[in-house]
Amino acid sequence: MAYAHTNSKGTTYYLHGKIVTLKGGRQQQIYWFGKEAKAHALDSVPAGYQIVESPRTGLPLCKKG
């Protein structure tokens, strides 16, 4: 079951994440929210991260700390 977050506007978003390779060859973990749960959906918030909401757009963000 994918992690779901409902923002202050009532829209539900699902957390996704995957490891991408940057131009220099370094690998980095990225996280994003989408309106549908797809292939890279995560079951929970990663350790050391918290979910905050953009005050202007209402889009949830995965923030370290």
PDB file of N, CA and C in Angstrom:
ATOM      1  N   MET A   1       0.847  -1.181   0.000  1.00  0.00           N
ATOM      2  CA  MET A   1       0.000   0.000   0.000  1.00  0.00           C
ATOM      3  C   MET A   1       0.886   1.235   0.000  1.00  0.00           C
ATOM      4  N   ALA A   2       0.694   2.120  -0.948  1.00  0.00           N
ATOM      5  CA  ALA A   2       1.515   3.313  -1.092  1.00  0.00           C
ATOM      6  C   ALA A   2       1.190   4.344  -0.007  1.00  0.00           C
ATOM      7  N   TYR A   3       2.219   5.087   0.415  1.00  0.00           N
ATOM      8  CA  TYR A   3       2.027   6.151   1.404  1.00  0.00           C
ATOM      9  C   TYR A   3       1.226   7.279   0.760  1.00  0.00           C
ATOM     10  N   ALA A   4       0.141   7.681   1.390  1.00  0.00           N
ATOM     11  CA  ALA A   4      -0.724   8.739   0.866  1.00  0.00           C
ATOM     12  C   ALA A   4      -0.724   9.927   1.817  1.00  0.00           C
ATOM     13  N   HIS A   5      -0.740  11.114   1.248  1.00  0.00           N
ATOM     14  CA  HIS A   5      -0.819  12.361   2.021  1.00  0.00           C
ATOM     15  C   HIS A   5      -1.914  13.222   1.405  1.00  0.00           C
ATOM     16  N   THR A   6      -2.861  13.652   2.231  1.00  0.00           N
ATOM     17  CA  THR A   6      -3.911  14.554   1.768  1.00  0.00           C
ATOM     18  C   THR A   6      -3.554  15.961   2.220  1.00  0.00           C
ATOM     19  N   ASN A   7      -3.448  16.876   1.250  1.00  0.00           N
ATOM     20  CA  ASN A   7      -3.024  18.236   1.577  1.00  0.00           C
ATOM     21  C   ASN A   7      -4.185  19.071   2.114  1.00  0.00           C
ATOM     22  N   SER A   8      -3.911  20.326   2.419  1.00  0.00           N
ATOM     23  CA  SER A   8      -4.915  21.209   3.011  1.00  0.00           C
ATOM     24  C   SER A   8      -6.053  21.532   2.049  1.00  0.00           C
ATOM     25  N   LYS A   9      -5.839  21.308   0.761  1.00  0.00           N
ATOM     26  CA  LYS A   9      -6.872  21.563  -0.240  1.00  0.00           C
ATOM     27  C   LYS A   9      -7.738  20.331  -0.497  1.00  0.00           C
ATOM     28  N   GLY A  10      -7.396  19.198   0.161  1.00  0.00           N
ATOM     29  CA  GLY A  10      -8.193  17.989   0.028  1.00  0.00           C
ATOM     30  C   GLY A  10      -7.750  17.049  -1.074  1.00  0.00           C
ATOM     31  N   THR A  11      -6.621  17.317  -1.728  1.00  0.00           N
ATOM     32  CA  THR A  11      -6.103  16.464  -2.788  1.00  0.00           C
ATOM     33  C   THR A  11      -5.156  15.422  -2.191  1.00  0.00           C
ATOM     34  N   THR A  12      -5.295  14.175  -2.617  1.00  0.00           N
ATOM     35  CA  THR A  12      -4.439  13.101  -2.113  1.00  0.00           C
ATOM     36  C   THR A  12      -3.281  12.870  -3.076  1.00  0.00           C
ATOM     37  N   TYR A  13      -2.071  12.793  -2.511  1.00  0.00           N
ATOM     38  CA  TYR A  13      -0.853  12.545  -3.277  1.00  0.00           C
ATOM     39  C   TYR A  13      -0.173  11.296  -2.730  1.00  0.00           C
ATOM     40  N   TYR A  14       0.551  10.571  -3.595  1.00  0.00           N
ATOM     41  CA  TYR A  14       1.244   9.345  -3.221  1.00  0.00           C
ATOM     42  C   TYR A  14       2.749   9.540  -3.380  1.00  0.00           C
ATOM     43  N   LEU A  15       3.510   9.064  -2.388  1.00  0.00           N
ATOM     44  CA  LEU A  15       4.966   9.216  -2.368  1.00  0.00           C
ATOM     45  C   LEU A  15       5.628   8.166  -3.250  1.00  0.00           C
ATOM     46  N   HIS A  16       6.567   8.623  -4.097  1.00  0.00           N
ATOM     47  CA  HIS A  16       7.343   7.755  -4.973  1.00  0.00           C
ATOM     48  C   HIS A  16       8.828   8.021  -4.748  1.00  0.00           C
ATOM     49  N   GLY A  17       9.663   7.073  -5.100  1.00  0.00           N
ATOM     50  CA  GLY A  17      11.102   7.257  -4.982  1.00  0.00           C
ATOM     51  C   GLY A  17      11.857   6.269  -5.834  1.00  0.00           C
ATOM     52  N   LYS A  18      13.038   6.677  -6.300  1.00  0.00           N
ATOM     53  CA  LYS A  18      13.911   5.771  -7.037  1.00  0.00           C
ATOM     54  C   LYS A  18      15.324   6.331  -7.046  1.00  0.00           C
ATOM     55  N   ILE A  19      16.269   5.497  -7.428  1.00  0.00           N
ATOM     56  CA  ILE A  19      17.669   5.897  -7.534  1.00  0.00           C
ATOM     57  C   ILE A  19      17.934   6.240  -8.997  1.00  0.00           C
ATOM     58  N   VAL A  20      18.475   7.441  -9.230  1.00  0.00           N
ATOM     59  CA  VAL A  20      18.809   7.886 -10.584  1.00  0.00           C
ATOM     60  C   VAL A  20      20.316   8.066 -10.692  1.00  0.00           C
ATOM     61  N   THR A  21      20.838   7.958 -11.910  1.00  0.00           N
ATOM     62  CA  THR A  21      22.254   8.174 -12.163  1.00  0.00           C
ATOM     63  C   THR A  21      22.429   9.557 -12.776  1.00  0.00           C
ATOM     64  N   LEU A  22      23.256  10.382 -12.144  1.00  0.00           N
ATOM     65  CA  LEU A  22      23.509  11.737 -12.620  1.00  0.00           C
ATOM     66  C   LEU A  22      24.548  11.719 -13.735  1.00  0.00           C
ATOM     67  N   LYS A  23      24.735  12.853 -14.419  1.00  0.00           N
ATOM     68  CA  LYS A  23      25.662  12.933 -15.549  1.00  0.00           C
ATOM     69  C   LYS A  23      27.075  12.496 -15.191  1.00  0.00           C
ATOM     70  N   GLY A  24      27.536  12.820 -14.008  1.00  0.00           N
ATOM     71  CA  GLY A  24      28.890  12.467 -13.590  1.00  0.00           C
ATOM     72  C   GLY A  24      29.034  11.010 -13.176  1.00  0.00           C
ATOM     73  N   GLY A  25      27.949  10.244 -13.214  1.00  0.00           N
ATOM     74  CA  GLY A  25      27.987   8.835 -12.849  1.00  0.00           C
ATOM     75  C   GLY A  25      27.575   8.561 -11.418  1.00  0.00           C
ATOM     76  N   ARG A  26      27.409   9.615 -10.619  1.00  0.00           N
ATOM     77  CA  ARG A  26      27.006   9.447  -9.229  1.00  0.00           C
ATOM     78  C   ARG A  26      25.529   9.087  -9.166  1.00  0.00           C
ATOM     79  N   GLN A  27      25.188   8.203  -8.224  1.00  0.00           N
ATOM     80  CA  GLN A  27      23.794   7.807  -8.049  1.00  0.00           C
ATOM     81  C   GLN A  27      23.188   8.577  -6.880  1.00  0.00           C
ATOM     82  N   GLN A  28      21.912   8.943  -7.036  1.00  0.00           N
ATOM     83  CA  GLN A  28      21.236   9.722  -6.008  1.00  0.00           C
ATOM     84  C   GLN A  28      19.795   9.254  -5.880  1.00  0.00           C
ATOM     85  N   GLN A  29      19.316   9.179  -4.646  1.00  0.00           N
ATOM     86  CA  GLN A  29      17.925   8.811  -4.362  1.00  0.00           C
ATOM     87  C   GLN A  29      17.064  10.057  -4.508  1.00  0.00           C
ATOM     88  N   ILE A  30      15.956   9.961  -5.258  1.00  0.00           N
ATOM     89  CA  ILE A  30      15.029  11.081  -5.384  1.00  0.00           C
ATOM     90  C   ILE A  30      13.645  10.650  -4.909  1.00  0.00           C
ATOM     91  N   TYR A  31      12.865  11.617  -4.440  1.00  0.00           N
ATOM     92  CA  TYR A  31      11.507  11.381  -3.967  1.00  0.00           C
ATOM     93  C   TYR A  31      10.587  12.393  -4.620  1.00  0.00           C
ATOM     94  N   TRP A  32       9.362  11.985  -4.940  1.00  0.00           N
ATOM     95  CA  TRP A  32       8.375  12.897  -5.489  1.00  0.00           C
ATOM     96  C   TRP A  32       6.978  12.398  -5.162  1.00  0.00           C
ATOM     97  N   PHE A  33       6.013  13.299  -5.280  1.00  0.00           N
ATOM     98  CA  PHE A  33       4.616  12.967  -5.041  1.00  0.00           C
ATOM     99  C   PHE A  33       3.853  13.028  -6.350  1.00  0.00           C
ATOM    100  N   GLY A  34       2.906  12.106  -6.523  1.00  0.00           N
ATOM    101  CA  GLY A  34       2.044  12.092  -7.693  1.00  0.00           C
ATOM    102  C   GLY A  34       0.610  11.836  -7.268  1.00  0.00           C
ATOM    103  N   LYS A  35      -0.318  12.189  -8.134  1.00  0.00           N
ATOM    104  CA  LYS A  35      -1.737  12.018  -7.812  1.00  0.00           C
ATOM    105  C   LYS A  35      -2.196  10.568  -7.943  1.00  0.00           C
ATOM    106  N   GLU A  36      -1.380   9.715  -8.571  1.00  0.00           N
ATOM    107  CA  GLU A  36      -1.689   8.294  -8.700  1.00  0.00           C
ATOM    108  C   GLU A  36      -0.509   7.478  -8.184  1.00  0.00           C
ATOM    109  N   ALA A  37      -0.788   6.325  -7.578  1.00  0.00           N
ATOM    110  CA  ALA A  37       0.271   5.418  -7.127  1.00  0.00           C
ATOM    111  C   ALA A  37       0.725   4.600  -8.322  1.00  0.00           C
ATOM    112  N   LYS A  38       1.983   4.727  -8.683  1.00  0.00           N
ATOM    113  CA  LYS A  38       2.525   4.020  -9.851  1.00  0.00           C
ATOM    114  C   LYS A  38       3.629   3.068  -9.422  1.00  0.00           C
ATOM    115  N   ALA A  39       4.482   2.667 -10.355  1.00  0.00           N
ATOM    116  CA  ALA A  39       5.479   1.617 -10.145  1.00  0.00           C
ATOM    117  C   ALA A  39       6.473   1.903  -9.022  1.00  0.00           C
ATOM    118  N   HIS A  40       6.866   3.146  -8.825  1.00  0.00           N
ATOM    119  CA  HIS A  40       7.894   3.468  -7.836  1.00  0.00           C
ATOM    120  C   HIS A  40       7.308   3.960  -6.513  1.00  0.00           C
ATOM    121  N   ALA A  41       6.050   3.637  -6.234  1.00  0.00           N
ATOM    122  CA  ALA A  41       5.394   4.090  -5.008  1.00  0.00           C
ATOM    123  C   ALA A  41       6.059   3.463  -3.782  1.00  0.00           C
ATOM    124  N   LEU A  42       6.196   4.260  -2.714  1.00  0.00           N
ATOM    125  CA  LEU A  42       6.809   3.794  -1.474  1.00  0.00           C
ATOM    126  C   LEU A  42       5.727   3.542  -0.425  1.00  0.00           C
ATOM    127  N   ASP A  43       5.988   2.591   0.474  1.00  0.00           N
ATOM    128  CA  ASP A  43       5.023   2.240   1.513  1.00  0.00           C
ATOM    129  C   ASP A  43       5.047   3.183   2.710  1.00  0.00           C
ATOM    130  N   SER A  44       6.169   3.870   2.918  1.00  0.00           N
ATOM    131  CA  SER A  44       6.279   4.755   4.076  1.00  0.00           C
ATOM    132  C   SER A  44       7.270   5.876   3.784  1.00  0.00           C
ATOM    133  N   VAL A  45       7.290   6.861   4.663  1.00  0.00           N
ATOM    134  CA  VAL A  45       8.237   7.970   4.551  1.00  0.00           C
ATOM    135  C   VAL A  45       9.619   7.440   4.918  1.00  0.00           C
ATOM    136  N   PRO A  46      10.653   7.745   4.126  1.00  0.00           N
ATOM    137  CA  PRO A  46      12.009   7.275   4.438  1.00  0.00           C
ATOM    138  C   PRO A  46      12.497   7.797   5.785  1.00  0.00           C
ATOM    139  N   ALA A  47      13.334   7.026   6.441  1.00  0.00           N
ATOM    140  CA  ALA A  47      13.902   7.422   7.729  1.00  0.00           C
ATOM    141  C   ALA A  47      14.687   8.717   7.566  1.00  0.00           C
ATOM    142  N   GLY A  48      14.498   9.636   8.503  1.00  0.00           N
ATOM    143  CA  GLY A  48      15.207  10.908   8.467  1.00  0.00           C
ATOM    144  C   GLY A  48      14.523  11.971   7.633  1.00  0.00           C
ATOM    145  N   TYR A  49      13.361  11.681   7.063  1.00  0.00           N
ATOM    146  CA  TYR A  49      12.631  12.645   6.241  1.00  0.00           C
ATOM    147  C   TYR A  49      11.293  12.954   6.879  1.00  0.00           C
ATOM    148  N   GLN A  50      10.758  14.112   6.548  1.00  0.00           N
ATOM    149  CA  GLN A  50       9.431  14.487   7.008  1.00  0.00           C
ATOM    150  C   GLN A  50       8.668  15.081   5.829  1.00  0.00           C
ATOM    151  N   ILE A  51       7.361  15.074   5.918  1.00  0.00           N
ATOM    152  CA  ILE A  51       6.524  15.601   4.850  1.00  0.00           C
ATOM    153  C   ILE A  51       6.076  17.006   5.246  1.00  0.00           C
ATOM    154  N   VAL A  52       6.356  17.965   4.379  1.00  0.00           N
ATOM    155  CA  VAL A  52       5.907  19.341   4.566  1.00  0.00           C
ATOM    156  C   VAL A  52       5.104  19.739   3.328  1.00  0.00           C
ATOM    157  N   GLU A  53       4.301  20.771   3.483  1.00  0.00           N
ATOM    158  CA  GLU A  53       3.462  21.207   2.373  1.00  0.00           C
ATOM    159  C   GLU A  53       3.869  22.603   1.932  1.00  0.00           C
ATOM    160  N   SER A  54       3.966  22.798   0.628  1.00  0.00           N
ATOM    161  CA  SER A  54       4.270  24.120   0.097  1.00  0.00           C
ATOM    162  C   SER A  54       3.106  25.055   0.402  1.00  0.00           C
ATOM    163  N   PRO A  55       3.358  26.169   1.077  1.00  0.00           N
ATOM    164  CA  PRO A  55       2.246  27.056   1.443  1.00  0.00           C
ATOM    165  C   PRO A  55       1.572  27.704   0.229  1.00  0.00           C
ATOM    166  N   ARG A  56       2.295  27.869  -0.859  1.00  0.00           N
ATOM    167  CA  ARG A  56       1.754  28.542  -2.040  1.00  0.00           C
ATOM    168  C   ARG A  56       0.913  27.603  -2.897  1.00  0.00           C
ATOM    169  N   THR A  57       1.417  26.379  -3.139  1.00  0.00           N
ATOM    170  CA  THR A  57       0.744  25.461  -4.067  1.00  0.00           C
ATOM    171  C   THR A  57      -0.007  24.330  -3.379  1.00  0.00           C
ATOM    172  N   GLY A  58       0.357  24.010  -2.133  1.00  0.00           N
ATOM    173  CA  GLY A  58      -0.265  22.899  -1.442  1.00  0.00           C
ATOM    174  C   GLY A  58       0.361  21.561  -1.771  1.00  0.00           C
ATOM    175  N   LEU A  59       1.394  21.549  -2.632  1.00  0.00           N
ATOM    176  CA  LEU A  59       2.056  20.307  -3.004  1.00  0.00           C
ATOM    177  C   LEU A  59       2.909  19.796  -1.846  1.00  0.00           C
ATOM    178  N   PRO A  60       2.752  18.523  -1.453  1.00  0.00           N
ATOM    179  CA  PRO A  60       3.590  17.987  -0.380  1.00  0.00           C
ATOM    180  C   PRO A  60       5.027  17.776  -0.877  1.00  0.00           C
ATOM    181  N   LEU A  61       5.974  17.928   0.039  1.00  0.00           N
ATOM    182  CA  LEU A  61       7.392  17.772  -0.262  1.00  0.00           C
ATOM    183  C   LEU A  61       8.015  16.855   0.772  1.00  0.00           C
ATOM    184  N   CYS A  62       8.984  16.068   0.368  1.00  0.00           N
ATOM    185  CA  CYS A  62       9.704  15.173   1.259  1.00  0.00           C
ATOM    186  C   CYS A  62      10.995  15.898   1.649  1.00  0.00           C
ATOM    187  N   LYS A  63      11.083  16.355   2.905  1.00  0.00           N
ATOM    188  CA  LYS A  63      12.188  17.195   3.352  1.00  0.00           C
ATOM    189  C   LYS A  63      13.032  16.439   4.368  1.00  0.00           C
ATOM    190  N   LYS A  64      14.352  16.537   4.212  1.00  0.00           N
ATOM    191  CA  LYS A  64      15.273  15.900   5.143  1.00  0.00           C
ATOM    192  C   LYS A  64      15.300  16.693   6.446  1.00  0.00           C
ATOM    193  N   GLY A  65      15.288  15.957   7.550  1.00  0.00           N
ATOM    194  CA  GLY A  65      15.386  16.666   8.824  1.00  0.00           C
ATOM    195  C   GLY A  65      14.334  16.266   9.724  1.00  0.00           C
TER     196      GLY A  65
END
